[in-house]
Amino acid sequence: MPSKRRKLLDTATADVANILVELSQNPTENSTPACSASIDPAPTPCTVKLPSPATLGHQHTQTTKGHDSDIVAVKIKNVILNHEIAKLRQQLAECQETNEGVPGGHFGIHDVKDNDAKCKFYTGLTWDQFMCVWNYLGSAKDKVCYWNQQLKTGEKSPSKRPGVRRKLSPLNEFFLMMVRLRVGLLNTDLAYRFGISPSSVSKIVTSWIQFLYLQFGRMRNKMFASRQLLKHNMPPCFAKFKGIRVIIDCCEFFVEQSTHFRRQGNLYSSYKNHSTFKCLIGISPNGGVMFVSDAFEGSMSDNDIVKKSGFLDKLDAGDLILADRGFTIRDMLYAKQVDLNIPPFLQGRNRLTVGEEITTKQIARVHIYVERAIERIKKFRLLKRVIPLSLQPVFSQMVFVAGCLVNFQDPLVK
């Protein structure tokens, strides 16, 4: 407590104590002193004198009053200080709830709390959207185990997360993973920002990516909405496409070149002239991400990815799929009684007919939404950069998590 504030507290406490002591005393100063007991009722004034002077009694009264004031002052100060201690403990508990283990001056969730602009920059979500994801993760988020960590039986506890004591709270670990995924900061940079080691950053990011992949994985079937449900939320621009259920396209992500010669050839994409991973993305007519395949090697064709990704198992008879020209999968869909709508080919002609040009423009006008959805996924900058070899084993999980996080953002099509 500052010295100036302490002096004010002492002065105020002393004044209050003096007032309380004066109020507690009986007003007997103006009363006539009583004489010794006597049977004679004669009005003879009492002449018995006190053995001590009047000044001595006055000094004794002042001394007693001073002692009482000091005692009351100490009690008042004790009450005030206890109140301040309780208030500081409450503030400390609130700080530890959102910023546990983050030393003073280091970056943490408190820096973006209730600030949509900052939170959206670092996580891609507003504060309310961020907390919506956090609440969706359920109680399991408080017991996340570090990836590839050997646990001892004695370190497990039903009320605490498994493993040794950690420096960051679960909320700050989740925030760190989101910053890594969205902004693409290096592990060393994040280590300096959060006050932990680079190895801890790597463990936290990998662990939370795997955890979110498992939690979001429970929504896979619900993400691929039925045609009846989509019909109730169909944007007007899709009114001409009867029975439409999903719009698909493939996207490629740059990866570091493998040290194995055979894998180098499998990863090489002739379209990008680089080693890539390729994923199949499917969105609903209102822009929600419905399907995210695992990552395949860049040399695979779009048709092979559709066949091996499990996408065909999601379709029902009567569905309509919109795609680009590269998806010549009509023969695969015929057995499931699913229709395919792709732009027409020239087939050796110099130009398209008027009707084919109109069809091409109509498809391109709505197919652009899947490209915008892919752009939203790639705005998680860790996916937009060249993926290091250390993250390739969990790359499929990263893309799926990013696709699910896009669904927590504002709608793409209104």
Protein backbone atom coordinates (compact mmCIF):
# COMPACT_ATOMS: atom_id res chain seq x y z
CA MET A 1 0.00 0.00 0.00
CA PRO A 2 1.52 3.44 -0.86
CA SER A 3 2.68 5.61 2.06
CA LYS A 4 0.29 8.45 1.16
CA ARG A 5 -2.66 6.08 1.19
CA ARG A 6 -1.46 4.59 4.50
CA LYS A 7 -1.32 8.06 6.13
CA LEU A 8 -4.85 8.84 4.98
CA LEU A 9 -6.06 5.50 6.31
CA ASP A 10 -4.38 6.08 9.71
CA THR A 11 -5.85 9.59 10.02
CA ALA A 12 -9.35 8.50 9.05
CA THR A 13 -9.17 5.51 11.39
CA ALA A 14 -8.06 7.67 14.34
CA ASP A 15 -10.87 10.19 13.76
CA VAL A 16 -13.49 7.45 13.54
CA ALA A 17 -12.10 5.81 16.68
CA ASN A 18 -12.26 9.04 18.70
CA ILE A 19 -15.85 9.65 17.64
CA LEU A 20 -16.87 6.11 18.59
CA VAL A 21 -15.19 6.36 22.00
CA GLU A 22 -16.89 9.71 22.75
CA LEU A 23 -20.26 8.31 21.78
CA SER A 24 -19.74 5.23 23.93
CA GLN A 25 -18.99 7.23 27.08
CA ASN A 26 -21.83 8.38 29.44
CA PRO A 27 -22.36 12.16 29.57
CA THR A 28 -21.54 12.59 33.38
CA GLU A 29 -19.15 15.51 33.19
CA ASN A 30 -21.79 18.14 34.13
CA SER A 31 -23.43 16.15 36.95
CA THR A 32 -22.87 17.00 40.61
CA PRO A 33 -20.51 14.57 42.34
CA ALA A 34 -22.31 12.31 44.80
CA CYS A 35 -21.55 12.36 48.56
CA SER A 36 -21.01 9.43 50.82
CA ALA A 37 -24.11 7.62 52.02
CA SER A 38 -25.89 9.35 54.93
CA ILE A 39 -29.17 8.83 56.79
CA ASP A 40 -29.48 12.49 57.69
CA PRO A 41 -31.54 14.16 54.99
CA ALA A 42 -30.25 17.59 55.97
CA PRO A 43 -29.31 19.75 52.97
CA THR A 44 -25.83 20.34 54.33
CA PRO A 45 -23.46 20.34 51.34
CA CYS A 46 -20.91 17.64 51.21
CA THR A 47 -17.43 18.81 52.21
CA VAL A 48 -15.57 15.56 51.70
CA LYS A 49 -12.63 16.15 49.35
CA LEU A 50 -11.08 13.60 47.01
CA PRO A 51 -7.61 12.52 47.99
CA SER A 52 -6.29 13.36 44.49
CA PRO A 53 -6.52 16.71 42.70
CA ALA A 54 -9.10 17.33 39.99
CA THR A 55 -6.36 17.59 37.44
CA LEU A 56 -5.22 14.05 38.25
CA GLY A 57 -8.73 12.71 37.59
CA HIS A 58 -8.89 14.67 34.36
CA GLN A 59 -5.54 13.25 33.17
CA HIS A 60 -6.64 9.72 34.10
CA THR A 61 -9.83 10.15 32.06
CA GLN A 62 -7.87 11.43 29.07
CA THR A 63 -5.39 8.54 29.32
CA THR A 64 -8.20 5.95 29.48
CA LYS A 65 -9.91 7.64 26.55
CA GLY A 66 -6.66 7.59 24.58
CA HIS A 67 -6.17 3.88 25.20
CA ASP A 68 -9.75 3.16 24.15
CA SER A 69 -9.28 5.17 20.97
CA ASP A 70 -6.13 3.25 20.10
CA ILE A 71 -7.87 -0.10 20.59
CA VAL A 72 -10.87 0.92 18.48
CA ALA A 73 -8.57 2.35 15.81
CA VAL A 74 -6.66 -0.93 15.58
CA LYS A 75 -9.90 -2.88 15.30
CA ILE A 76 -11.23 -0.59 12.56
CA LYS A 77 -7.98 -0.80 10.64
CA ASN A 78 -8.03 -4.58 10.98
CA VAL A 79 -11.55 -4.72 9.51
CA ILE A 80 -10.57 -2.43 6.61
CA LEU A 81 -7.41 -4.41 5.82
CA ASN A 82 -9.28 -7.73 5.97
CA HIS A 83 -11.80 -6.32 3.52
CA GLU A 84 -9.02 -5.24 1.15
CA ILE A 85 -7.30 -8.63 1.45
CA ALA A 86 -10.54 -10.43 0.58
CA LYS A 87 -11.04 -8.14 -2.42
CA LEU A 88 -7.47 -8.74 -3.66
CA ARG A 89 -7.87 -12.49 -3.25
CA GLN A 90 -11.01 -12.38 -5.36
CA GLN A 91 -9.21 -10.39 -8.07
CA LEU A 92 -6.31 -12.84 -7.96
CA ALA A 93 -8.67 -15.79 -8.36
CA GLU A 94 -10.33 -14.15 -11.37
CA CYS A 95 -6.90 -13.49 -12.90
CA GLN A 96 -5.78 -17.07 -12.35
CA GLU A 97 -8.99 -18.37 -13.94
CA THR A 98 -8.20 -16.73 -17.29
CA ASN A 99 -4.44 -16.17 -17.03
CA GLU A 100 -3.14 -19.00 -14.89
CA GLY A 101 0.56 -19.57 -15.21
CA VAL A 102 1.24 -16.64 -17.55
CA PRO A 103 3.86 -14.44 -15.89
CA GLY A 104 3.30 -10.71 -15.75
CA GLY A 105 4.08 -8.97 -19.02
CA HIS A 106 3.63 -12.09 -21.17
CA PHE A 107 1.00 -12.61 -23.85
CA GLY A 108 -2.20 -14.44 -22.96
CA ILE A 109 -5.95 -14.70 -23.34
CA HIS A 110 -6.39 -11.57 -21.20
CA ASP A 111 -4.94 -9.50 -24.06
CA VAL A 112 -7.85 -10.30 -26.41
CA LYS A 113 -10.67 -10.82 -23.95
CA ASP A 114 -13.85 -8.92 -24.96
CA ASN A 115 -11.96 -7.35 -27.89
CA ASP A 116 -13.40 -8.67 -31.15
CA ALA A 117 -10.79 -7.00 -33.38
CA LYS A 118 -7.80 -8.48 -31.54
CA CYS A 119 -9.45 -11.85 -31.02
CA LYS A 120 -10.36 -12.13 -34.70
CA PHE A 121 -6.82 -11.25 -35.76
CA TYR A 122 -5.19 -13.87 -33.54
CA THR A 123 -7.82 -16.64 -33.79
CA GLY A 124 -10.05 -15.89 -36.80
CA LEU A 125 -13.07 -15.71 -34.46
CA THR A 126 -14.75 -12.94 -32.51
CA TRP A 127 -14.67 -13.23 -28.72
CA ASP A 128 -18.19 -14.68 -28.56
CA GLN A 129 -17.38 -17.18 -31.35
CA PHE A 130 -14.14 -18.12 -29.60
CA MET A 131 -15.96 -18.80 -26.33
CA CYS A 132 -18.64 -20.74 -28.22
CA VAL A 133 -15.94 -23.12 -29.49
CA TRP A 134 -14.44 -23.30 -26.00
CA ASN A 135 -17.77 -24.20 -24.41
CA TYR A 136 -18.49 -26.79 -27.12
CA LEU A 137 -15.36 -28.74 -26.14
CA GLY A 138 -17.01 -29.76 -22.88
CA SER A 139 -15.40 -30.84 -19.62
CA ALA A 140 -12.76 -32.93 -21.41
CA LYS A 141 -10.87 -29.76 -22.27
CA ASP A 142 -9.66 -29.54 -18.66
CA LYS A 143 -7.97 -32.97 -18.88
CA VAL A 144 -6.09 -32.82 -22.18
CA CYS A 145 -3.04 -35.04 -22.15
CA TYR A 146 0.12 -33.90 -23.92
CA TRP A 147 0.68 -35.74 -27.18
CA ASN A 148 3.27 -38.56 -27.03
CA GLN A 149 3.89 -38.05 -23.31
CA GLN A 150 4.51 -40.99 -20.99
CA LEU A 151 2.34 -40.72 -17.91
CA LYS A 152 3.04 -42.13 -14.47
CA THR A 153 0.26 -43.72 -12.49
CA GLY A 154 0.95 -41.54 -9.46
CA GLU A 155 0.47 -38.35 -11.47
CA LYS A 156 -3.13 -39.05 -12.48
CA SER A 157 -5.92 -37.32 -10.63
CA PRO A 158 -9.69 -37.30 -11.28
CA SER A 159 -9.89 -33.57 -10.57
CA LYS A 160 -6.82 -32.43 -12.50
CA ARG A 161 -5.36 -32.87 -15.95
CA PRO A 162 -3.03 -35.86 -16.38
CA GLY A 163 0.70 -35.34 -16.20
CA VAL A 164 2.99 -32.91 -14.46
CA ARG A 165 1.95 -29.41 -13.48
CA ARG A 166 1.74 -27.06 -16.45
CA LYS A 167 2.53 -23.37 -16.70
CA LEU A 168 -0.53 -22.43 -18.77
CA SER A 169 -4.20 -22.90 -18.04
CA PRO A 170 -6.33 -24.96 -20.47
CA LEU A 171 -7.83 -21.76 -21.90
CA ASN A 172 -4.41 -20.26 -22.56
CA GLU A 173 -3.18 -23.51 -24.14
CA PHE A 174 -6.20 -23.50 -26.45
CA PHE A 175 -5.55 -19.85 -27.26
CA LEU A 176 -1.89 -20.61 -28.02
CA MET A 177 -2.92 -23.35 -30.47
CA MET A 178 -5.37 -20.99 -32.18
CA VAL A 179 -2.68 -18.31 -32.54
CA ARG A 180 -0.28 -20.86 -34.03
CA LEU A 181 -2.92 -22.08 -36.49
CA ARG A 182 -4.31 -18.68 -37.46
CA VAL A 183 -1.26 -16.41 -37.48
CA GLY A 184 1.35 -19.09 -38.20
CA LEU A 185 3.90 -17.78 -35.69
CA LEU A 186 7.00 -19.85 -35.10
CA ASN A 187 7.29 -22.00 -31.98
CA THR A 188 10.16 -19.87 -30.66
CA ASP A 189 8.13 -16.69 -31.14
CA LEU A 190 5.20 -18.17 -29.24
CA ALA A 191 7.57 -19.41 -26.54
CA TYR A 192 8.78 -15.85 -25.92
CA ARG A 193 5.24 -14.47 -26.01
CA PHE A 194 3.75 -16.97 -23.54
CA GLY A 195 6.81 -17.40 -21.32
CA ILE A 196 7.36 -21.12 -21.95
CA SER A 197 9.85 -23.25 -23.87
CA PRO A 198 9.63 -23.98 -27.64
CA SER A 199 9.29 -27.70 -26.92
CA SER A 200 6.27 -26.98 -24.73
CA VAL A 201 4.72 -24.94 -27.53
CA SER A 202 5.14 -27.86 -29.93
CA LYS A 203 3.54 -30.30 -27.47
CA ILE A 204 0.64 -27.96 -26.73
CA VAL A 205 -0.13 -27.30 -30.41
CA THR A 206 0.00 -30.97 -31.40
CA SER A 207 -2.04 -32.08 -28.38
CA TRP A 208 -4.82 -29.54 -28.89
CA ILE A 209 -4.99 -30.17 -32.64
CA GLN A 210 -5.55 -33.85 -31.92
CA PHE A 211 -8.07 -33.05 -29.19
CA LEU A 212 -10.12 -30.71 -31.39
CA TYR A 213 -9.98 -33.28 -34.20
CA LEU A 214 -11.56 -35.87 -31.90
CA GLN A 215 -14.15 -33.47 -30.50
CA PHE A 216 -15.17 -32.08 -33.91
CA GLY A 217 -15.09 -35.60 -35.36
CA ARG A 218 -18.29 -36.35 -33.47
CA MET A 219 -20.07 -33.88 -35.78
CA ARG A 220 -19.04 -35.53 -39.08
CA ASN A 221 -22.42 -37.06 -39.80
CA LYS A 222 -24.35 -34.00 -38.66
CA MET A 223 -22.11 -31.69 -40.69
CA PHE A 224 -23.28 -33.40 -43.88
CA ALA A 225 -26.82 -32.06 -43.66
CA SER A 226 -29.77 -33.74 -45.34
CA ARG A 227 -31.37 -32.36 -48.49
CA GLN A 228 -34.60 -31.65 -46.61
CA LEU A 229 -32.80 -29.56 -44.00
CA LEU A 230 -30.89 -27.63 -46.65
CA LYS A 231 -34.11 -26.89 -48.50
CA HIS A 232 -35.42 -24.86 -45.56
CA ASN A 233 -32.28 -22.67 -45.57
CA MET A 234 -31.68 -22.41 -49.34
CA PRO A 235 -30.29 -19.04 -50.56
CA PRO A 236 -32.18 -17.53 -53.51
CA CYS A 237 -29.17 -17.85 -55.83
CA PHE A 238 -29.52 -21.66 -55.74
CA ALA A 239 -33.21 -21.71 -56.64
CA LYS A 240 -32.48 -22.95 -60.19
CA PHE A 241 -30.59 -26.02 -58.93
CA LYS A 242 -33.27 -28.43 -57.79
CA GLY A 243 -32.13 -31.06 -55.29
CA ILE A 244 -28.68 -29.52 -54.76
CA ARG A 245 -26.93 -30.83 -51.69
CA VAL A 246 -23.22 -30.09 -51.91
CA ILE A 247 -20.66 -28.13 -53.92
CA ILE A 248 -17.22 -29.74 -54.12
CA ASP A 249 -13.71 -28.76 -55.12
CA CYS A 250 -10.15 -29.82 -54.32
CA CYS A 251 -7.54 -27.57 -52.76
CA GLU A 252 -3.79 -28.04 -52.53
CA PHE A 253 -1.36 -27.09 -49.75
CA PHE A 254 2.39 -26.70 -50.19
CA VAL A 255 4.59 -29.04 -48.13
CA GLU A 256 8.31 -29.45 -47.63
CA GLN A 257 9.99 -31.86 -50.00
CA SER A 258 10.38 -35.31 -48.56
CA THR A 259 13.81 -36.91 -48.20
CA HIS A 260 12.51 -40.15 -49.75
CA PHE A 261 12.77 -40.24 -53.53
CA ARG A 262 9.56 -42.23 -54.08
CA ARG A 263 7.54 -39.93 -51.82
CA GLN A 264 8.92 -36.91 -53.67
CA GLY A 265 7.31 -38.16 -56.87
CA ASN A 266 4.01 -38.95 -55.16
CA LEU A 267 3.78 -35.51 -53.55
CA TYR A 268 4.70 -33.57 -56.68
CA SER A 269 1.77 -31.71 -58.26
CA SER A 270 2.08 -30.95 -61.96
CA TYR A 271 -0.56 -28.24 -61.54
CA LYS A 272 1.31 -26.38 -58.77
CA ASN A 273 4.83 -27.48 -59.75
CA HIS A 274 5.51 -28.17 -56.10
CA SER A 275 5.15 -30.88 -53.47
CA THR A 276 1.59 -30.64 -52.19
CA PHE A 277 -1.13 -32.28 -50.16
CA LYS A 278 -4.60 -32.31 -51.73
CA CYS A 279 -7.94 -32.32 -49.89
CA LEU A 280 -11.53 -32.55 -51.08
CA ILE A 281 -13.78 -29.82 -49.64
CA GLY A 282 -17.58 -29.89 -49.82
CA ILE A 283 -19.84 -27.03 -48.74
CA SER A 284 -23.59 -26.62 -48.39
CA PRO A 285 -25.52 -24.06 -50.47
CA ASN A 286 -25.40 -21.59 -47.55
CA GLY A 287 -21.61 -21.83 -47.34
CA GLY A 288 -21.15 -24.16 -44.38
CA VAL A 289 -18.32 -26.68 -44.61
CA MET A 290 -19.96 -30.11 -44.85
CA PHE A 291 -17.09 -32.39 -45.83
CA VAL A 292 -13.30 -32.31 -45.41
CA SER A 293 -11.34 -35.30 -46.63
CA ASP A 294 -8.02 -36.54 -45.36
CA ALA A 295 -4.91 -35.16 -47.04
CA PHE A 296 -3.81 -37.08 -50.14
CA GLU A 297 -0.59 -36.86 -52.11
CA GLY A 298 -0.51 -34.10 -54.69
CA SER A 299 -0.08 -36.43 -57.66
CA MET A 300 -3.52 -38.00 -57.17
CA SER A 301 -6.34 -36.91 -59.47
CA ASP A 302 -9.56 -35.35 -58.28
CA ASN A 303 -11.53 -38.43 -59.33
CA ASP A 304 -9.32 -40.76 -57.28
CA ILE A 305 -9.68 -38.55 -54.22
CA VAL A 306 -13.48 -38.57 -54.54
CA LYS A 307 -13.41 -42.35 -54.74
CA LYS A 308 -11.02 -42.93 -51.80
CA SER A 309 -12.13 -40.16 -49.45
CA GLY A 310 -15.48 -41.72 -48.51
CA PHE A 311 -17.41 -38.82 -50.00
CA LEU A 312 -19.65 -41.10 -52.06
CA ASP A 313 -20.89 -42.84 -48.91
CA LYS A 314 -22.46 -39.57 -47.73
CA LEU A 315 -24.76 -39.18 -50.75
CA ASP A 316 -28.38 -40.27 -51.15
CA ALA A 317 -30.45 -40.98 -54.23
CA GLY A 318 -31.77 -37.81 -55.86
CA ASP A 319 -28.92 -35.55 -54.68
CA LEU A 320 -27.39 -32.99 -57.02
CA ILE A 321 -23.68 -32.15 -56.89
CA LEU A 322 -22.08 -29.03 -58.33
CA ALA A 323 -18.43 -29.30 -59.34
CA ASP A 324 -15.79 -28.01 -61.72
CA ARG A 325 -14.88 -29.54 -65.07
CA GLY A 326 -12.13 -31.68 -63.55
CA PHE A 327 -14.62 -33.90 -61.70
CA THR A 328 -15.62 -36.40 -64.37
CA ILE A 329 -17.27 -38.69 -61.83
CA ARG A 330 -20.67 -39.18 -63.44
CA ASP A 331 -20.10 -42.93 -63.77
CA MET A 332 -19.37 -43.20 -60.01
CA LEU A 333 -22.54 -41.30 -59.15
CA TYR A 334 -24.77 -43.19 -61.57
CA ALA A 335 -24.84 -46.30 -59.36
CA LYS A 336 -26.06 -44.18 -56.40
CA GLN A 337 -28.66 -42.34 -58.54
CA VAL A 338 -26.94 -39.02 -57.87
CA ASP A 339 -26.83 -36.26 -60.48
CA LEU A 340 -23.75 -34.18 -61.37
CA ASN A 341 -23.80 -30.64 -62.71
CA ILE A 342 -20.52 -29.41 -64.20
CA PRO A 343 -19.77 -26.83 -66.92
CA PRO A 344 -20.01 -28.27 -70.47
CA PHE A 345 -16.89 -29.16 -72.49
CA LEU A 346 -15.97 -27.84 -75.93
CA GLN A 347 -15.41 -31.38 -77.23
CA GLY A 348 -13.40 -30.21 -80.24
CA ARG A 349 -15.59 -27.19 -81.02
CA ASN A 350 -14.37 -23.63 -81.28
CA ARG A 351 -16.95 -22.21 -78.88
CA LEU A 352 -19.87 -23.14 -76.69
CA THR A 353 -23.47 -22.70 -77.68
CA VAL A 354 -25.56 -19.90 -76.22
CA GLY A 355 -27.33 -22.31 -73.87
CA GLU A 356 -24.04 -23.84 -72.73
CA GLU A 357 -22.59 -20.40 -72.03
CA ILE A 358 -25.61 -19.54 -69.87
CA THR A 359 -25.25 -22.84 -67.99
CA THR A 360 -21.54 -22.22 -67.47
CA LYS A 361 -22.16 -18.75 -66.03
CA GLN A 362 -24.89 -20.05 -63.72
CA ILE A 363 -22.63 -22.77 -62.35
CA ALA A 364 -19.66 -20.39 -62.01
CA ARG A 365 -21.84 -17.87 -60.14
CA VAL A 366 -22.57 -20.36 -57.34
CA HIS A 367 -19.40 -22.47 -57.56
CA ILE A 368 -17.43 -19.45 -56.39
CA TYR A 369 -18.76 -20.02 -52.86
CA VAL A 370 -16.74 -23.20 -52.42
CA GLU A 371 -13.66 -21.25 -53.51
CA ARG A 372 -14.42 -18.63 -50.87
CA ALA A 373 -14.84 -21.36 -48.26
CA ILE A 374 -11.44 -22.76 -49.22
CA GLU A 375 -10.04 -19.24 -48.97
CA ARG A 376 -11.38 -19.00 -45.43
CA ILE A 377 -9.65 -22.26 -44.54
CA LYS A 378 -6.39 -21.02 -46.02
CA LYS A 379 -6.63 -17.82 -44.01
CA PHE A 380 -5.35 -19.97 -41.19
CA ARG A 381 -1.82 -19.02 -42.19
CA LEU A 382 -0.18 -22.15 -40.88
CA LEU A 383 -1.95 -23.99 -43.73
CA LYS A 384 -1.16 -21.30 -46.30
CA ARG A 385 2.60 -21.57 -45.83
CA VAL A 386 4.85 -24.47 -46.71
CA ILE A 387 3.97 -27.20 -44.22
CA PRO A 388 7.12 -28.40 -42.39
CA LEU A 389 7.94 -32.09 -42.22
CA SER A 390 7.31 -32.09 -38.46
CA LEU A 391 3.60 -31.21 -38.97
CA GLN A 392 2.87 -33.51 -41.90
CA PRO A 393 1.77 -36.46 -39.70
CA VAL A 394 -1.07 -34.30 -38.27
CA PHE A 395 -1.83 -32.27 -41.38
CA SER A 396 -5.16 -34.01 -42.11
CA GLN A 397 -6.28 -33.17 -38.57
CA MET A 398 -5.22 -29.54 -39.02
CA VAL A 399 -7.27 -29.07 -42.20
CA PHE A 400 -10.34 -30.71 -40.67
CA VAL A 401 -10.08 -28.55 -37.55
CA ALA A 402 -9.71 -25.41 -39.67
CA GLY A 403 -12.77 -26.39 -41.71
CA CYS A 404 -14.83 -26.86 -38.54
CA LEU A 405 -13.64 -23.53 -37.13
CA VAL A 406 -14.84 -21.81 -40.32
CA ASN A 407 -18.36 -23.00 -39.46
CA PHE A 408 -18.22 -20.93 -36.25
CA GLN A 409 -17.61 -17.77 -38.29
CA ASP A 410 -20.30 -15.58 -39.86
CA PRO A 411 -22.30 -17.24 -42.69
CA LEU A 412 -20.66 -17.18 -46.09
CA VAL A 413 -23.94 -16.96 -48.07
CA LYS A 414 -26.93 -14.99 -46.79
